[in-house]
Amino acid sequence: MTEQMIVDAAKMFKKRVKDGLFDRDMTQRDLANEVGVTEAVLSLAINTYAINKQSREVRAKVRQLLDIQDI
């Protein structure tokens, strides 16, 4: 994967999360509570390109909760 592909995928994921929250009438705080992390940890996982273990796990839980399967 090139760096640009990673950046594009991260932007797409961020948009899909935002749309999913809007569709479910949820806030990022609500999502953080559902995932079981703080808002700061959730924000880091969504808004950055972090590849650490915690961010990957948070993104996986977010994908599952918001039914995001193609990213």
Protein backbone atom coordinates (compact mmCIF):
# COMPACT_ATOMS: atom_id res chain seq x y z
CA MET A 1 0.00 0.00 0.00
CA THR A 2 1.32 3.41 -0.87
CA GLU A 3 1.17 6.28 1.58
CA GLN A 4 -1.52 7.99 -0.50
CA MET A 5 -3.69 4.87 -0.41
CA ILE A 6 -3.40 4.80 3.38
CA VAL A 7 -4.36 8.47 3.61
CA ASP A 8 -7.33 7.96 1.28
CA ALA A 9 -8.54 4.92 3.24
CA ALA A 10 -8.26 6.84 6.52
CA LYS A 11 -10.29 9.74 5.09
CA MET A 12 -12.92 7.35 3.77
CA PHE A 13 -13.14 5.58 7.13
CA LYS A 14 -13.53 8.90 8.95
CA LYS A 15 -16.36 9.91 6.61
CA ARG A 16 -18.11 6.54 6.95
CA VAL A 17 -17.95 6.80 10.75
CA LYS A 18 -19.35 10.33 10.66
CA ASP A 19 -22.17 9.22 8.34
CA GLY A 20 -22.88 6.15 10.48
CA LEU A 21 -23.14 8.25 13.61
CA PHE A 22 -25.47 10.69 11.87
CA ASP A 23 -27.68 7.88 10.56
CA ARG A 24 -27.98 6.41 14.06
CA ASP A 25 -28.40 9.79 15.77
CA MET A 26 -25.30 9.09 17.88
CA THR A 27 -22.44 11.26 19.04
CA GLN A 28 -18.79 10.33 19.12
CA ARG A 29 -19.16 10.19 22.91
CA ASP A 30 -21.94 7.59 22.53
CA LEU A 31 -19.74 5.54 20.22
CA ALA A 32 -16.81 5.74 22.63
CA ASN A 33 -19.05 4.41 25.41
CA GLU A 34 -20.27 1.57 23.19
CA VAL A 35 -16.71 0.62 22.24
CA GLY A 36 -15.53 0.93 25.84
CA VAL A 37 -12.83 3.55 25.37
CA THR A 38 -12.41 7.23 26.12
CA GLU A 39 -13.36 9.87 23.61
CA ALA A 40 -9.68 10.75 23.17
CA VAL A 41 -8.75 7.17 22.28
CA LEU A 42 -11.65 6.93 19.84
CA SER A 43 -10.74 10.25 18.25
CA LEU A 44 -7.14 9.14 17.82
CA ALA A 45 -8.23 5.90 16.14
CA ILE A 46 -10.66 7.67 13.78
CA ASN A 47 -8.84 10.88 12.94
CA THR A 48 -5.24 9.73 12.58
CA TYR A 49 -3.34 7.10 10.67
CA ALA A 50 -2.18 5.39 13.86
CA ILE A 51 -1.27 1.76 13.37
CA ASN A 52 -0.72 0.82 16.99
CA LYS A 53 -2.57 -2.18 18.39
CA GLN A 54 -5.12 -0.18 20.38
CA SER A 55 -6.13 1.98 17.41
CA ARG A 56 -6.52 -1.08 15.18
CA GLU A 57 -8.70 -2.78 17.79
CA VAL A 58 -10.86 0.33 18.24
CA ARG A 59 -11.33 0.68 14.48
CA ALA A 60 -12.33 -2.99 14.27
CA LYS A 61 -14.98 -2.51 16.97
CA VAL A 62 -16.24 0.65 15.27
CA ARG A 63 -16.51 -1.20 11.96
CA GLN A 64 -18.52 -3.91 13.64
CA LEU A 65 -20.85 -1.55 15.53
CA LEU A 66 -21.49 0.71 12.53
CA ASP A 67 -21.49 -2.16 10.01
CA ILE A 68 -18.63 -0.77 7.93
CA GLN A 69 -17.31 -3.71 5.93
CA ASP A 70 -15.63 -2.37 2.81
CA ILE A 71 -12.83 -0.32 4.39
